[in-house]
Amino acid sequence: MQCTEYCRERMLEVNGASFPSGMGNAKDWYNKSLPDPFRKIGRIKEKSVACFTGGPTGLGHVMFIESVDGNSFTFSEANCSIHVDGEEYSADSMSAYIKSHGSNMTFKGCIYVDLDENHEID
């Protein structure tokens, strides 16, 4: 399973919101114009998709942030050579996560669902 497919399914499962079609490669996700109820933030956020450029193939990577505790976080991902698809893992910081992958990934930010009362989710 590709990382993008995994995060699309996980976002729907956890937040009840589906990403629009045509998101492209993982490296493109954070720069896409997204409809309500999606928002972007330049830091890690619980129940969001973390977006990266770079990586071994240059196509970027996305992972799902399950929970956050200070700078540390629990995440799940797919199509990663060091983790099993869909399993939960923890990292002490985003820089520690990137270093563990041994690649030139750059964290761009997270895409999350705004569960504010003004945004309804189908």
PDB file of N, CA and C in Angstrom:
ATOM      1  N   MET A   1       0.850  -1.179   0.000  1.00  0.00           N
ATOM      2  CA  MET A   1       0.000   0.000   0.000  1.00  0.00           C
ATOM      3  C   MET A   1       0.895   1.242   0.000  1.00  0.00           C
ATOM      4  N   GLN A   2       0.533   2.217  -0.802  1.00  0.00           N
ATOM      5  CA  GLN A   2       1.270   3.475  -0.845  1.00  0.00           C
ATOM      6  C   GLN A   2       0.952   4.319   0.397  1.00  0.00           C
ATOM      7  N   CYS A   3       1.881   5.199   0.774  1.00  0.00           N
ATOM      8  CA  CYS A   3       1.666   6.054   1.945  1.00  0.00           C
ATOM      9  C   CYS A   3       0.464   6.968   1.746  1.00  0.00           C
ATOM     10  N   THR A   4       0.265   7.451   0.525  1.00  0.00           N
ATOM     11  CA  THR A   4      -0.853   8.360   0.256  1.00  0.00           C
ATOM     12  C   THR A   4      -2.197   7.645   0.397  1.00  0.00           C
ATOM     13  N   GLU A   5      -2.267   6.436  -0.121  1.00  0.00           N
ATOM     14  CA  GLU A   5      -3.503   5.650  -0.006  1.00  0.00           C
ATOM     15  C   GLU A   5      -3.804   5.354   1.459  1.00  0.00           C
ATOM     16  N   TYR A   6      -2.770   4.990   2.210  1.00  0.00           N
ATOM     17  CA  TYR A   6      -2.953   4.693   3.632  1.00  0.00           C
ATOM     18  C   TYR A   6      -3.491   5.927   4.372  1.00  0.00           C
ATOM     19  N   CYS A   7      -2.875   7.092   4.159  1.00  0.00           N
ATOM     20  CA  CYS A   7      -3.289   8.302   4.875  1.00  0.00           C
ATOM     21  C   CYS A   7      -4.677   8.762   4.449  1.00  0.00           C
ATOM     22  N   ARG A   8      -5.011   8.573   3.192  1.00  0.00           N
ATOM     23  CA  ARG A   8      -6.365   8.899   2.726  1.00  0.00           C
ATOM     24  C   ARG A   8      -7.391   8.060   3.491  1.00  0.00           C
ATOM     25  N   GLU A   9      -7.133   6.758   3.601  1.00  0.00           N
ATOM     26  CA  GLU A   9      -8.056   5.853   4.303  1.00  0.00           C
ATOM     27  C   GLU A   9      -8.081   6.118   5.800  1.00  0.00           C
ATOM     28  N   ARG A  10      -6.918   6.397   6.385  1.00  0.00           N
ATOM     29  CA  ARG A  10      -6.853   6.647   7.833  1.00  0.00           C
ATOM     30  C   ARG A  10      -7.574   7.949   8.194  1.00  0.00           C
ATOM     31  N   MET A  11      -7.424   8.985   7.373  1.00  0.00           N
ATOM     32  CA  MET A  11      -8.104  10.258   7.617  1.00  0.00           C
ATOM     33  C   MET A  11      -9.614  10.050   7.599  1.00  0.00           C
ATOM     34  N   LEU A  12     -10.105   9.281   6.655  1.00  0.00           N
ATOM     35  CA  LEU A  12     -11.536   8.998   6.579  1.00  0.00           C
ATOM     36  C   LEU A  12     -11.990   8.194   7.795  1.00  0.00           C
ATOM     37  N   GLU A  13     -11.214   7.190   8.179  1.00  0.00           N
ATOM     38  CA  GLU A  13     -11.556   6.347   9.323  1.00  0.00           C
ATOM     39  C   GLU A  13     -11.596   7.133  10.626  1.00  0.00           C
ATOM     40  N   VAL A  14     -10.611   7.971  10.866  1.00  0.00           N
ATOM     41  CA  VAL A  14     -10.488   8.687  12.142  1.00  0.00           C
ATOM     42  C   VAL A  14     -11.338   9.951  12.186  1.00  0.00           C
ATOM     43  N   ASN A  15     -11.349  10.712  11.099  1.00  0.00           N
ATOM     44  CA  ASN A  15     -11.991  12.026  11.101  1.00  0.00           C
ATOM     45  C   ASN A  15     -13.271  12.110  10.276  1.00  0.00           C
ATOM     46  N   GLY A  16     -13.570  11.068   9.523  1.00  0.00           N
ATOM     47  CA  GLY A  16     -14.784  11.077   8.720  1.00  0.00           C
ATOM     48  C   GLY A  16     -14.739  11.995   7.519  1.00  0.00           C
ATOM     49  N   ALA A  17     -13.545  12.405   7.112  1.00  0.00           N
ATOM     50  CA  ALA A  17     -13.408  13.311   5.970  1.00  0.00           C
ATOM     51  C   ALA A  17     -12.502  12.673   4.925  1.00  0.00           C
ATOM     52  N   SER A  18     -12.877  12.822   3.671  1.00  0.00           N
ATOM     53  CA  SER A  18     -12.122  12.230   2.577  1.00  0.00           C
ATOM     54  C   SER A  18     -11.388  13.302   1.791  1.00  0.00           C
ATOM     55  N   PHE A  19     -10.109  13.078   1.553  1.00  0.00           N
ATOM     56  CA  PHE A  19      -9.346  14.006   0.727  1.00  0.00           C
ATOM     57  C   PHE A  19      -9.934  14.029  -0.683  1.00  0.00           C
ATOM     58  N   PRO A  20      -9.874  15.172  -1.359  1.00  0.00           N
ATOM     59  CA  PRO A  20     -10.354  15.219  -2.733  1.00  0.00           C
ATOM     60  C   PRO A  20      -9.457  14.387  -3.644  1.00  0.00           C
ATOM     61  N   SER A  21      -9.965  13.999  -4.789  1.00  0.00           N
ATOM     62  CA  SER A  21      -9.139  13.251  -5.736  1.00  0.00           C
ATOM     63  C   SER A  21      -8.087  14.195  -6.331  1.00  0.00           C
ATOM     64  N   GLY A  22      -7.073  13.617  -6.920  1.00  0.00           N
ATOM     65  CA  GLY A  22      -6.047  14.413  -7.582  1.00  0.00           C
ATOM     66  C   GLY A  22      -5.035  15.051  -6.653  1.00  0.00           C
ATOM     67  N   MET A  23      -4.773  14.426  -5.495  1.00  0.00           N
ATOM     68  CA  MET A  23      -3.801  14.990  -4.546  1.00  0.00           C
ATOM     69  C   MET A  23      -2.357  14.843  -5.035  1.00  0.00           C
ATOM     70  N   GLY A  24      -2.106  13.907  -5.954  1.00  0.00           N
ATOM     71  CA  GLY A  24      -0.761  13.740  -6.489  1.00  0.00           C
ATOM     72  C   GLY A  24       0.131  12.942  -5.563  1.00  0.00           C
ATOM     73  N   ASN A  25       1.438  13.082  -5.770  1.00  0.00           N
ATOM     74  CA  ASN A  25       2.428  12.407  -4.932  1.00  0.00           C
ATOM     75  C   ASN A  25       2.472  13.057  -3.556  1.00  0.00           C
ATOM     76  N   ALA A  26       3.022  12.342  -2.598  1.00  0.00           N
ATOM     77  CA  ALA A  26       3.098  12.846  -1.226  1.00  0.00           C
ATOM     78  C   ALA A  26       3.753  14.228  -1.163  1.00  0.00           C
ATOM     79  N   LYS A  27       4.781  14.457  -1.965  1.00  0.00           N
ATOM     80  CA  LYS A  27       5.487  15.748  -1.947  1.00  0.00           C
ATOM     81  C   LYS A  27       4.575  16.918  -2.313  1.00  0.00           C
ATOM     82  N   ASP A  28       3.462  16.631  -3.001  1.00  0.00           N
ATOM     83  CA  ASP A  28       2.539  17.671  -3.463  1.00  0.00           C
ATOM     84  C   ASP A  28       1.433  18.007  -2.469  1.00  0.00           C
ATOM     85  N   TRP A  29       1.169  17.119  -1.526  1.00  0.00           N
ATOM     86  CA  TRP A  29      -0.013  17.251  -0.674  1.00  0.00           C
ATOM     87  C   TRP A  29      -0.096  18.579   0.073  1.00  0.00           C
ATOM     88  N   TYR A  30       0.985  19.000   0.713  1.00  0.00           N
ATOM     89  CA  TYR A  30       0.905  20.184   1.575  1.00  0.00           C
ATOM     90  C   TYR A  30       0.660  21.468   0.771  1.00  0.00           C
ATOM     91  N   ASN A  31       1.061  21.482  -0.487  1.00  0.00           N
ATOM     92  CA  ASN A  31       0.895  22.683  -1.299  1.00  0.00           C
ATOM     93  C   ASN A  31      -0.432  22.733  -2.049  1.00  0.00           C
ATOM     94  N   LYS A  32      -1.226  21.681  -1.940  1.00  0.00           N
ATOM     95  CA  LYS A  32      -2.517  21.650  -2.617  1.00  0.00           C
ATOM     96  C   LYS A  32      -3.506  22.614  -1.966  1.00  0.00           C
ATOM     97  N   SER A  33      -4.363  23.181  -2.780  1.00  0.00           N
ATOM     98  CA  SER A  33      -5.475  23.964  -2.274  1.00  0.00           C
ATOM     99  C   SER A  33      -6.548  22.964  -1.855  1.00  0.00           C
ATOM    100  N   LEU A  34      -6.986  23.033  -0.606  1.00  0.00           N
ATOM    101  CA  LEU A  34      -7.923  22.044  -0.071  1.00  0.00           C
ATOM    102  C   LEU A  34      -9.240  22.685   0.343  1.00  0.00           C
ATOM    103  N   PRO A  35     -10.341  21.970   0.143  1.00  0.00           N
ATOM    104  CA  PRO A  35     -11.652  22.492   0.537  1.00  0.00           C
ATOM    105  C   PRO A  35     -11.878  22.349   2.043  1.00  0.00           C
ATOM    106  N   ASP A  36     -12.924  23.002   2.548  1.00  0.00           N
ATOM    107  CA  ASP A  36     -13.362  22.753   3.922  1.00  0.00           C
ATOM    108  C   ASP A  36     -13.716  21.288   4.034  1.00  0.00           C
ATOM    109  N   PRO A  37     -13.434  20.636   5.110  1.00  0.00           N
ATOM    110  CA  PRO A  37     -13.003  21.141   6.406  1.00  0.00           C
ATOM    111  C   PRO A  37     -11.489  21.022   6.638  1.00  0.00           C
ATOM    112  N   PHE A  38     -10.695  20.881   5.555  1.00  0.00           N
ATOM    113  CA  PHE A  38      -9.255  20.680   5.718  1.00  0.00           C
ATOM    114  C   PHE A  38      -8.532  21.989   5.982  1.00  0.00           C
ATOM    115  N   ARG A  39      -7.537  21.916   6.848  1.00  0.00           N
ATOM    116  CA  ARG A  39      -6.688  23.047   7.197  1.00  0.00           C
ATOM    117  C   ARG A  39      -5.238  22.566   7.230  1.00  0.00           C
ATOM    118  N   LYS A  40      -4.311  23.527   7.176  1.00  0.00           N
ATOM    119  CA  LYS A  40      -2.881  23.212   7.241  1.00  0.00           C
ATOM    120  C   LYS A  40      -2.268  23.920   8.435  1.00  0.00           C
ATOM    121  N   ILE A  41      -1.246  23.292   8.993  1.00  0.00           N
ATOM    122  CA  ILE A  41      -0.529  23.871  10.121  1.00  0.00           C
ATOM    123  C   ILE A  41       0.935  23.443  10.018  1.00  0.00           C
ATOM    124  N   GLY A  42       1.840  24.314  10.371  1.00  0.00           N
ATOM    125  CA  GLY A  42       3.272  24.065  10.208  1.00  0.00           C
ATOM    126  C   GLY A  42       3.921  23.304  11.347  1.00  0.00           C
ATOM    127  N   ARG A  43       3.143  22.613  12.141  1.00  0.00           N
ATOM    128  CA  ARG A  43       3.683  21.800  13.243  1.00  0.00           C
ATOM    129  C   ARG A  43       2.895  20.495  13.312  1.00  0.00           C
ATOM    130  N   ILE A  44       3.365  19.570  14.153  1.00  0.00           N
ATOM    131  CA  ILE A  44       2.636  18.316  14.288  1.00  0.00           C
ATOM    132  C   ILE A  44       1.321  18.558  15.029  1.00  0.00           C
ATOM    133  N   LYS A  45       0.312  17.819  14.630  1.00  0.00           N
ATOM    134  CA  LYS A  45      -1.012  17.948  15.230  1.00  0.00           C
ATOM    135  C   LYS A  45      -1.657  16.570  15.252  1.00  0.00           C
ATOM    136  N   GLU A  46      -2.296  16.255  16.357  1.00  0.00           N
ATOM    137  CA  GLU A  46      -2.989  14.980  16.513  1.00  0.00           C
ATOM    138  C   GLU A  46      -4.061  14.783  15.443  1.00  0.00           C
ATOM    139  N   LYS A  47      -4.208  13.556  14.989  1.00  0.00           N
ATOM    140  CA  LYS A  47      -5.220  13.152  14.008  1.00  0.00           C
ATOM    141  C   LYS A  47      -5.078  13.911  12.692  1.00  0.00           C
ATOM    142  N   SER A  48      -3.828  14.088  12.271  1.00  0.00           N
ATOM    143  CA  SER A  48      -3.552  14.802  11.032  1.00  0.00           C
ATOM    144  C   SER A  48      -2.589  13.996  10.160  1.00  0.00           C
ATOM    145  N   VAL A  49      -2.366  14.473   8.950  1.00  0.00           N
ATOM    146  CA  VAL A  49      -1.413  13.857   8.039  1.00  0.00           C
ATOM    147  C   VAL A  49      -0.193  14.761   7.947  1.00  0.00           C
ATOM    148  N   ALA A  50       0.973  14.222   8.337  1.00  0.00           N
ATOM    149  CA  ALA A  50       2.232  14.945   8.228  1.00  0.00           C
ATOM    150  C   ALA A  50       2.770  14.767   6.812  1.00  0.00           C
ATOM    151  N   CYS A  51       3.212  15.862   6.203  1.00  0.00           N
ATOM    152  CA  CYS A  51       3.641  15.870   4.807  1.00  0.00           C
ATOM    153  C   CYS A  51       5.127  16.204   4.697  1.00  0.00           C
ATOM    154  N   PHE A  52       5.811  15.459   3.828  1.00  0.00           N
ATOM    155  CA  PHE A  52       7.246  15.622   3.627  1.00  0.00           C
ATOM    156  C   PHE A  52       7.571  15.719   2.142  1.00  0.00           C
ATOM    157  N   THR A  53       8.594  16.492   1.820  1.00  0.00           N
ATOM    158  CA  THR A  53       9.181  16.457   0.493  1.00  0.00           C
ATOM    159  C   THR A  53      10.474  15.659   0.600  1.00  0.00           C
ATOM    160  N   GLY A  54      11.075  15.364  -0.537  1.00  0.00           N
ATOM    161  CA  GLY A  54      12.335  14.624  -0.538  1.00  0.00           C
ATOM    162  C   GLY A  54      12.120  13.143  -0.360  1.00  0.00           C
ATOM    163  N   GLY A  55      12.995  12.521   0.416  1.00  0.00           N
ATOM    164  CA  GLY A  55      12.932  11.085   0.623  1.00  0.00           C
ATOM    165  C   GLY A  55      13.746  10.339  -0.417  1.00  0.00           C
ATOM    166  N   PRO A  56      13.869   9.034  -0.254  1.00  0.00           N
ATOM    167  CA  PRO A  56      14.718   8.228  -1.137  1.00  0.00           C
ATOM    168  C   PRO A  56      14.330   8.298  -2.611  1.00  0.00           C
ATOM    169  N   THR A  57      13.039   8.432  -2.905  1.00  0.00           N
ATOM    170  CA  THR A  57      12.598   8.451  -4.301  1.00  0.00           C
ATOM    171  C   THR A  57      12.354   9.862  -4.821  1.00  0.00           C
ATOM    172  N   GLY A  58      12.350  10.848  -3.920  1.00  0.00           N
ATOM    173  CA  GLY A  58      12.051  12.216  -4.307  1.00  0.00           C
ATOM    174  C   GLY A  58      10.565  12.502  -4.427  1.00  0.00           C
ATOM    175  N   LEU A  59       9.724  11.496  -4.158  1.00  0.00           N
ATOM    176  CA  LEU A  59       8.274  11.664  -4.271  1.00  0.00           C
ATOM    177  C   LEU A  59       7.620  12.107  -2.972  1.00  0.00           C
ATOM    178  N   GLY A  60       8.430  12.281  -1.921  1.00  0.00           N
ATOM    179  CA  GLY A  60       7.910  12.701  -0.637  1.00  0.00           C
ATOM    180  C   GLY A  60       7.333  11.536   0.157  1.00  0.00           C
ATOM    181  N   HIS A  61       6.711  11.880   1.266  1.00  0.00           N
ATOM    182  CA  HIS A  61       6.113  10.872   2.142  1.00  0.00           C
ATOM    183  C   HIS A  61       5.029  11.546   2.969  1.00  0.00           C
ATOM    184  N   VAL A  62       4.006  10.804   3.330  1.00  0.00           N
ATOM    185  CA  VAL A  62       2.988  11.251   4.276  1.00  0.00           C
ATOM    186  C   VAL A  62       2.800  10.157   5.317  1.00  0.00           C
ATOM    187  N   MET A  63       2.471  10.576   6.518  1.00  0.00           N
ATOM    188  CA  MET A  63       2.172   9.631   7.593  1.00  0.00           C
ATOM    189  C   MET A  63       1.051  10.211   8.431  1.00  0.00           C
ATOM    190  N   PHE A  64       0.379   9.361   9.184  1.00  0.00           N
ATOM    191  CA  PHE A  64      -0.736   9.804  10.007  1.00  0.00           C
ATOM    192  C   PHE A  64      -0.272   9.989  11.448  1.00  0.00           C
ATOM    193  N   ILE A  65      -0.495  11.167  11.998  1.00  0.00           N
ATOM    194  CA  ILE A  65      -0.150  11.465  13.394  1.00  0.00           C
ATOM    195  C   ILE A  65      -1.326  11.008  14.253  1.00  0.00           C
ATOM    196  N   GLU A  66      -1.106   9.967  15.026  1.00  0.00           N
ATOM    197  CA  GLU A  66      -2.165   9.406  15.880  1.00  0.00           C
ATOM    198  C   GLU A  66      -2.376  10.249  17.131  1.00  0.00           C
ATOM    199  N   SER A  67      -1.290  10.628  17.794  1.00  0.00           N
ATOM    200  CA  SER A  67      -1.383  11.427  19.019  1.00  0.00           C
ATOM    201  C   SER A  67      -0.098  12.227  19.198  1.00  0.00           C
ATOM    202  N   VAL A  68      -0.191  13.279  20.019  1.00  0.00           N
ATOM    203  CA  VAL A  68       0.944  14.162  20.276  1.00  0.00           C
ATOM    204  C   VAL A  68       1.047  14.391  21.779  1.00  0.00           C
ATOM    205  N   ASP A  69       2.282  14.356  22.299  1.00  0.00           N
ATOM    206  CA  ASP A  69       2.548  14.646  23.708  1.00  0.00           C
ATOM    207  C   ASP A  69       3.811  15.506  23.761  1.00  0.00           C
ATOM    208  N   GLY A  70       3.616  16.830  23.804  1.00  0.00           N
ATOM    209  CA  GLY A  70       4.766  17.735  23.742  1.00  0.00           C
ATOM    210  C   GLY A  70       5.397  17.663  22.362  1.00  0.00           C
ATOM    211  N   ASN A  71       6.704  17.374  22.308  1.00  0.00           N
ATOM    212  CA  ASN A  71       7.389  17.223  21.027  1.00  0.00           C
ATOM    213  C   ASN A  71       7.336  15.802  20.498  1.00  0.00           C
ATOM    214  N   SER A  72       6.969  14.848  21.348  1.00  0.00           N
ATOM    215  CA  SER A  72       6.919  13.452  20.912  1.00  0.00           C
ATOM    216  C   SER A  72       5.535  13.140  20.347  1.00  0.00           C
ATOM    217  N   PHE A  73       5.485  12.124  19.511  1.00  0.00           N
ATOM    218  CA  PHE A  73       4.225  11.783  18.869  1.00  0.00           C
ATOM    219  C   PHE A  73       4.190  10.312  18.510  1.00  0.00           C
ATOM    220  N   THR A  74       2.979   9.810  18.350  1.00  0.00           N
ATOM    221  CA  THR A  74       2.733   8.450  17.875  1.00  0.00           C
ATOM    222  C   THR A  74       2.179   8.580  16.467  1.00  0.00           C
ATOM    223  N   PHE A  75       2.634   7.713  15.580  1.00  0.00           N
ATOM    224  CA  PHE A  75       2.242   7.799  14.183  1.00  0.00           C
ATOM    225  C   PHE A  75       2.050   6.412  13.593  1.00  0.00           C
ATOM    226  N   SER A  76       1.396   6.377  12.439  1.00  0.00           N
ATOM    227  CA  SER A  76       1.303   5.164  11.638  1.00  0.00           C
ATOM    228  C   SER A  76       1.548   5.577  10.193  1.00  0.00           C
ATOM    229  N   GLU A  77       2.022   4.627   9.393  1.00  0.00           N
ATOM    230  CA  GLU A  77       2.356   4.939   8.014  1.00  0.00           C
ATOM    231  C   GLU A  77       2.367   3.678   7.172  1.00  0.00           C
ATOM    232  N   ALA A  78       2.540   3.841   5.894  1.00  0.00           N
ATOM    233  CA  ALA A  78       2.637   2.715   4.972  1.00  0.00           C
ATOM    234  C   ALA A  78       3.744   3.004   3.963  1.00  0.00           C
ATOM    235  N   ASN A  79       4.192   1.951   3.307  1.00  0.00           N
ATOM    236  CA  ASN A  79       5.226   2.039   2.289  1.00  0.00           C
ATOM    237  C   ASN A  79       6.510   2.658   2.838  1.00  0.00           C
ATOM    238  N   CYS A  80       6.900   2.189   4.003  1.00  0.00           N
ATOM    239  CA  CYS A  80       8.123   2.633   4.657  1.00  0.00           C
ATOM    240  C   CYS A  80       8.962   1.398   4.938  1.00  0.00           C
ATOM    241  N   SER A  81      10.214   1.427   4.551  1.00  0.00           N
ATOM    242  CA  SER A  81      11.052   0.231   4.671  1.00  0.00           C
ATOM    243  C   SER A  81      11.384  -0.159   6.114  1.00  0.00           C
ATOM    244  N   ILE A  82      11.202   0.749   7.065  1.00  0.00           N
ATOM    245  CA  ILE A  82      11.581   0.407   8.445  1.00  0.00           C
ATOM    246  C   ILE A  82      10.386   0.171   9.367  1.00  0.00           C
ATOM    247  N   HIS A  83       9.166   0.369   8.873  1.00  0.00           N
ATOM    248  CA  HIS A  83       7.974   0.144   9.679  1.00  0.00           C
ATOM    249  C   HIS A  83       6.949  -0.692   8.936  1.00  0.00           C
ATOM    250  N   VAL A  84       6.165  -1.443   9.683  1.00  0.00           N
ATOM    251  CA  VAL A  84       5.102  -2.260   9.119  1.00  0.00           C
ATOM    252  C   VAL A  84       3.900  -1.365   8.821  1.00  0.00           C
ATOM    253  N   ASP A  85       3.275  -1.547   7.659  1.00  0.00           N
ATOM    254  CA  ASP A  85       2.112  -0.748   7.270  1.00  0.00           C
ATOM    255  C   ASP A  85       1.030  -0.784   8.338  1.00  0.00           C
ATOM    256  N   GLY A  86       0.589   0.412   8.768  1.00  0.00           N
ATOM    257  CA  GLY A  86      -0.530   0.527   9.684  1.00  0.00           C
ATOM    258  C   GLY A  86      -0.214   0.333  11.155  1.00  0.00           C
ATOM    259  N   GLU A  87       0.987  -0.108  11.488  1.00  0.00           N
ATOM    260  CA  GLU A  87       1.371  -0.261  12.903  1.00  0.00           C
ATOM    261  C   GLU A  87       1.633   1.119  13.503  1.00  0.00           C
ATOM    262  N   GLU A  88       1.470   1.248  14.812  1.00  0.00           N
ATOM    263  CA  GLU A  88       1.760   2.507  15.485  1.00  0.00           C
ATOM    264  C   GLU A  88       3.167   2.496  16.061  1.00  0.00           C
ATOM    265  N   TYR A  89       3.861   3.623  15.911  1.00  0.00           N
ATOM    266  CA  TYR A  89       5.213   3.803  16.406  1.00  0.00           C
ATOM    267  C   TYR A  89       5.304   5.175  17.054  1.00  0.00           C
ATOM    268  N   SER A  90       6.372   5.396  17.826  1.00  0.00           N
ATOM    269  CA  SER A  90       6.559   6.694  18.473  1.00  0.00           C
ATOM    270  C   SER A  90       7.887   7.306  18.059  1.00  0.00           C
ATOM    271  N   ALA A  91       7.942   8.629  18.106  1.00  0.00           N
ATOM    272  CA  ALA A  91       9.181   9.358  17.853  1.00  0.00           C
ATOM    273  C   ALA A  91       9.282  10.486  18.871  1.00  0.00           C
ATOM    274  N   ASP A  92      10.506  10.790  19.281  1.00  0.00           N
ATOM    275  CA  ASP A  92      10.734  11.847  20.270  1.00  0.00           C
ATOM    276  C   ASP A  92      10.581  13.244  19.676  1.00  0.00           C
ATOM    277  N   SER A  93      10.783  13.360  18.377  1.00  0.00           N
ATOM    278  CA  SER A  93      10.650  14.644  17.693  1.00  0.00           C
ATOM    279  C   SER A  93      10.588  14.388  16.192  1.00  0.00           C
ATOM    280  N   MET A  94      10.199  15.402  15.450  1.00  0.00           N
ATOM    281  CA  MET A  94      10.160  15.251  13.995  1.00  0.00           C
ATOM    282  C   MET A  94      11.564  15.048  13.443  1.00  0.00           C
ATOM    283  N   SER A  95      12.550  15.739  13.986  1.00  0.00           N
ATOM    284  CA  SER A  95      13.926  15.558  13.492  1.00  0.00           C
ATOM    285  C   SER A  95      14.418  14.143  13.771  1.00  0.00           C
ATOM    286  N   ALA A  96      14.026  13.544  14.903  1.00  0.00           N
ATOM    287  CA  ALA A  96      14.408  12.161  15.205  1.00  0.00           C
ATOM    288  C   ALA A  96      13.746  11.204  14.222  1.00  0.00           C
ATOM    289  N   TYR A  97      12.493  11.459  13.874  1.00  0.00           N
ATOM    290  CA  TYR A  97      11.794  10.620  12.896  1.00  0.00           C
ATOM    291  C   TYR A  97      12.521  10.667  11.550  1.00  0.00           C
ATOM    292  N   ILE A  98      12.817  11.880  11.084  1.00  0.00           N
ATOM    293  CA  ILE A  98      13.492  12.035   9.792  1.00  0.00           C
ATOM    294  C   ILE A  98      14.852  11.355   9.818  1.00  0.00           C
ATOM    295  N   LYS A  99      15.607  11.547  10.890  1.00  0.00           N
ATOM    296  CA  LYS A  99      16.929  10.926  11.008  1.00  0.00           C
ATOM    297  C   LYS A  99      16.822   9.405  10.968  1.00  0.00           C
ATOM    298  N   SER A 100      15.798   8.838  11.584  1.00  0.00           N
ATOM    299  CA  SER A 100      15.635   7.380  11.598  1.00  0.00           C
ATOM    300  C   SER A 100      15.405   6.826  10.199  1.00  0.00           C
ATOM    301  N   HIS A 101      14.904   7.654   9.287  1.00  0.00           N
ATOM    302  CA  HIS A 101      14.673   7.226   7.914  1.00  0.00           C
ATOM    303  C   HIS A 101      15.925   7.382   7.056  1.00  0.00           C
ATOM    304  N   GLY A 102      16.936   8.050   7.578  1.00  0.00           N
ATOM    305  CA  GLY A 102      18.203   8.195   6.872  1.00  0.00           C
ATOM    306  C   GLY A 102      18.065   8.851   5.504  1.00  0.00           C
ATOM    307  N   SER A 103      17.143   9.778   5.384  1.00  0.00           N
ATOM    308  CA  SER A 103      16.927  10.388   4.079  1.00  0.00           C
ATOM    309  C   SER A 103      16.941  11.906   4.175  1.00  0.00           C
ATOM    310  N   ASN A 104      16.774  12.512   3.034  1.00  0.00           N
ATOM    311  CA  ASN A 104      16.780  13.973   2.945  1.00  0.00           C
ATOM    312  C   ASN A 104      15.364  14.546   2.974  1.00  0.00           C
ATOM    313  N   MET A 105      14.489  13.953   3.763  1.00  0.00           N
ATOM    314  CA  MET A 105      13.112  14.436   3.845  1.00  0.00           C
ATOM    315  C   MET A 105      13.058  15.782   4.561  1.00  0.00           C
ATOM    316  N   THR A 106      12.097  16.614   4.144  1.00  0.00           N
ATOM    317  CA  THR A 106      11.838  17.887   4.799  1.00  0.00           C
ATOM    318  C   THR A 106      10.375  17.913   5.228  1.00  0.00           C
ATOM    319  N   PHE A 107      10.143  18.155   6.506  1.00  0.00           N
ATOM    320  CA  PHE A 107       8.780  18.259   7.035  1.00  0.00           C
ATOM    321  C   PHE A 107       8.182  19.589   6.596  1.00  0.00           C
ATOM    322  N   LYS A 108       7.037  19.544   5.914  1.00  0.00           N
ATOM    323  CA  LYS A 108       6.365  20.754   5.437  1.00  0.00           C
ATOM    324  C   LYS A 108       5.290  21.222   6.405  1.00  0.00           C
ATOM    325  N   GLY A 109       4.589  20.292   7.032  1.00  0.00           N
ATOM    326  CA  GLY A 109       3.501  20.626   7.939  1.00  0.00           C
ATOM    327  C   GLY A 109       2.466  19.527   7.932  1.00  0.00           C
ATOM    328  N   CYS A 110       1.348  19.773   8.599  1.00  0.00           N
ATOM    329  CA  CYS A 110       0.285  18.777   8.704  1.00  0.00           C
ATOM    330  C   CYS A 110      -1.010  19.301   8.108  1.00  0.00           C
ATOM    331  N   ILE A 111      -1.770  18.364   7.571  1.00  0.00           N
ATOM    332  CA  ILE A 111      -3.118  18.648   7.093  1.00  0.00           C
ATOM    333  C   ILE A 111      -4.074  17.998   8.089  1.00  0.00           C
ATOM    334  N   TYR A 112      -5.011  18.783   8.594  1.00  0.00           N
ATOM    335  CA  TYR A 112      -5.941  18.266   9.587  1.00  0.00           C
ATOM    336  C   TYR A 112      -7.368  18.645   9.220  1.00  0.00           C
ATOM    337  N   VAL A 113      -8.309  18.042   9.905  1.00  0.00           N
ATOM    338  CA  VAL A 113      -9.721  18.343   9.716  1.00  0.00           C
ATOM    339  C   VAL A 113     -10.149  19.296  10.819  1.00  0.00           C
ATOM    340  N   ASP A 114     -10.705  20.426  10.413  1.00  0.00           N
ATOM    341  CA  ASP A 114     -11.195  21.411  11.368  1.00  0.00           C
ATOM    342  C   ASP A 114     -12.554  20.950  11.861  1.00  0.00           C
ATOM    343  N   LEU A 115     -12.606  20.460  13.079  1.00  0.00           N
ATOM    344  CA  LEU A 115     -13.848  19.939  13.647  1.00  0.00           C
ATOM    345  C   LEU A 115     -14.656  21.016  14.364  1.00  0.00           C
ATOM    346  N   ASP A 116     -14.344  22.266  14.054  1.00  0.00           N
ATOM    347  CA  ASP A 116     -15.081  23.411  14.583  1.00  0.00           C
ATOM    348  C   ASP A 116     -16.559  23.268  14.220  1.00  0.00           C
ATOM    349  N   GLU A 117     -17.442  23.784  15.039  1.00  0.00           N
ATOM    350  CA  GLU A 117     -18.873  23.651  14.800  1.00  0.00           C
ATOM    351  C   GLU A 117     -19.325  24.289  13.488  1.00  0.00           C
ATOM    352  N   ASN A 118     -18.527  25.163  12.898  1.00  0.00           N
ATOM    353  CA  ASN A 118     -18.897  25.825  11.642  1.00  0.00           C
ATOM    354  C   ASN A 118     -18.627  24.966  10.411  1.00  0.00           C
ATOM    355  N   HIS A 119     -17.985  23.837  10.580  1.00  0.00           N
ATOM    356  CA  HIS A 119     -17.645  22.988   9.441  1.00  0.00           C
ATOM    357  C   HIS A 119     -18.269  21.614   9.628  1.00  0.00           C
ATOM    358  N   GLU A 120     -19.210  21.321   8.808  1.00  0.00           N
ATOM    359  CA  GLU A 120     -19.856  20.018   8.870  1.00  0.00           C
ATOM    360  C   GLU A 120     -19.108  19.014   8.009  1.00  0.00           C
ATOM    361  N   ILE A 121     -19.076  17.795   8.452  1.00  0.00           N
ATOM    362  CA  ILE A 121     -18.431  16.723   7.683  1.00  0.00           C
ATOM    363  C   ILE A 121     -19.508  15.753   7.243  1.00  0.00           C
ATOM    364  N   ASP A 122     -19.491  15.450   5.952  1.00  0.00           N
ATOM    365  CA  ASP A 122     -20.468  14.499   5.410  1.00  0.00           C
ATOM    366  C   ASP A 122     -20.171  13.098   5.873  1.00  0.00           C
TER     367      ASP A 122
END
